[in-house]
Amino acid sequence: MSKVEVTTQSNTKKIALSGHFTAMDHDQFRGILDDLQSGQGCTSCTVDLEHLDFIDSGGLGMLLLLRDACIKQKMALSLNNAKGDVLRILDIAKFDQLFKVVG
């Protein structure tokens, strides 16, 4: 399971993921999505992947749910600081075509 830390700075919601982001994290992440959809005046959302070691198809699916929620809220979304295996998986899944991926 991953550690998920959510903060709000200015008009940006920041979600920091660490460890392994898998289908096992669905319930915890669903709470974050529900909070995001409540519309708290944020105009952008960043997902910090710097300390994420692993992501599976369930984790990728949750990022897609996050993308849908951000589109509904008219929020910009970026995936930041992915590296190693996580970056490779994002590349294979062609997430750079769906998300702004920032090194």
Protein backbone atom coordinates (compact mmCIF):
# COMPACT_ATOMS: atom_id res chain seq x y z
CA MET A 1 0.00 0.00 0.00
CA SER A 2 1.08 3.52 -0.59
CA LYS A 3 1.28 6.48 1.68
CA VAL A 4 -0.88 9.30 0.38
CA GLU A 5 -0.42 12.84 1.61
CA VAL A 6 -2.75 15.62 0.46
CA THR A 7 -2.08 19.31 0.95
CA THR A 8 -3.52 22.50 -0.48
CA GLN A 9 -1.23 25.40 -1.31
CA SER A 10 -2.77 28.53 -2.76
CA ASN A 11 -5.14 27.24 -5.45
CA THR A 12 -3.31 23.93 -5.95
CA LYS A 13 -4.19 20.55 -4.48
CA LYS A 14 -1.01 18.48 -4.11
CA ILE A 15 -1.21 14.70 -3.80
CA ALA A 16 2.08 13.04 -2.83
CA LEU A 17 2.30 9.28 -3.31
CA SER A 18 5.01 7.05 -1.88
CA GLY A 19 5.64 3.31 -1.73
CA HIS A 20 3.43 1.06 -3.90
CA PHE A 21 0.26 2.49 -5.49
CA THR A 22 -2.00 -0.46 -6.24
CA ALA A 23 -5.64 -1.51 -6.34
CA MET A 24 -5.37 -2.00 -2.55
CA ASP A 25 -5.32 1.81 -2.22
CA HIS A 26 -8.69 2.28 -3.92
CA ASP A 27 -10.74 3.07 -0.80
CA GLN A 28 -8.25 5.63 0.48
CA PHE A 29 -7.93 7.24 -2.95
CA ARG A 30 -11.72 7.31 -3.42
CA GLY A 31 -11.90 9.61 -0.41
CA ILE A 32 -9.45 11.98 -2.08
CA LEU A 33 -11.54 11.95 -5.26
CA ASP A 34 -14.71 12.69 -3.31
CA ASP A 35 -12.97 15.60 -1.57
CA LEU A 36 -11.72 16.93 -4.90
CA GLN A 37 -15.19 16.79 -6.43
CA SER A 38 -16.61 18.85 -3.59
CA GLY A 39 -14.95 21.81 -5.32
CA GLN A 40 -12.90 23.73 -2.78
CA GLY A 41 -11.78 26.51 -5.13
CA CYS A 42 -8.60 24.84 -6.41
CA THR A 43 -7.67 25.48 -10.03
CA SER A 44 -4.97 22.84 -10.35
CA CYS A 45 -3.89 19.49 -8.99
CA THR A 46 -0.41 18.00 -8.96
CA VAL A 47 0.49 14.42 -8.18
CA ASP A 48 4.02 14.09 -6.82
CA LEU A 49 5.42 10.67 -7.73
CA GLU A 50 8.98 11.28 -6.55
CA HIS A 51 8.81 8.70 -3.74
CA LEU A 52 6.60 6.20 -5.56
CA ASP A 53 8.42 2.91 -6.16
CA PHE A 54 5.71 0.92 -7.94
CA ILE A 55 2.36 1.39 -9.68
CA ASP A 56 0.11 -1.35 -11.05
CA SER A 57 -2.89 -1.26 -13.39
CA GLY A 58 -5.14 -0.45 -10.43
CA GLY A 59 -2.99 2.57 -9.61
CA LEU A 60 -3.05 3.68 -13.25
CA GLY A 61 -6.83 3.34 -13.22
CA MET A 62 -7.08 5.56 -10.15
CA LEU A 63 -4.98 8.21 -11.89
CA LEU A 64 -7.48 8.06 -14.77
CA LEU A 65 -10.32 8.56 -12.28
CA LEU A 66 -8.43 11.55 -10.90
CA ARG A 67 -8.08 12.92 -14.43
CA ASP A 68 -11.84 12.61 -14.98
CA ALA A 69 -12.54 14.38 -11.67
CA CYS A 70 -10.16 17.22 -12.57
CA ILE A 71 -11.77 17.64 -15.99
CA LYS A 72 -15.21 17.91 -14.35
CA GLN A 73 -13.87 20.53 -11.94
CA LYS A 74 -12.01 22.36 -14.75
CA MET A 75 -8.73 21.84 -12.90
CA ALA A 76 -5.34 21.50 -14.55
CA LEU A 77 -3.61 18.23 -13.65
CA SER A 78 0.04 17.19 -13.79
CA LEU A 79 2.04 14.14 -12.77
CA ASN A 80 5.37 15.28 -11.35
CA ASN A 81 8.76 13.74 -10.58
CA ALA A 82 8.14 10.19 -11.81
CA LYS A 83 11.33 8.16 -12.13
CA GLY A 84 12.63 4.65 -12.66
CA ASP A 85 10.05 1.90 -13.04
CA VAL A 86 7.14 4.27 -12.42
CA LEU A 87 8.22 6.54 -15.28
CA ARG A 88 8.72 3.50 -17.50
CA ILE A 89 5.19 2.25 -16.74
CA LEU A 90 3.72 5.70 -17.45
CA ASP A 91 5.61 5.73 -20.77
CA ILE A 92 4.42 2.24 -21.74
CA ALA A 93 0.83 3.19 -20.89
CA LYS A 94 1.28 6.40 -22.94
CA PHE A 95 0.09 8.52 -20.03
CA ASP A 96 2.01 11.45 -21.48
CA GLN A 97 -0.79 11.64 -24.06
CA LEU A 98 -3.42 11.99 -21.33
CA PHE A 99 -1.57 13.92 -18.64
CA LYS A 100 0.99 16.66 -18.38
CA VAL A 101 4.00 14.69 -17.15
CA VAL A 102 6.68 16.89 -15.58
CA GLY A 103 10.18 15.55 -14.89
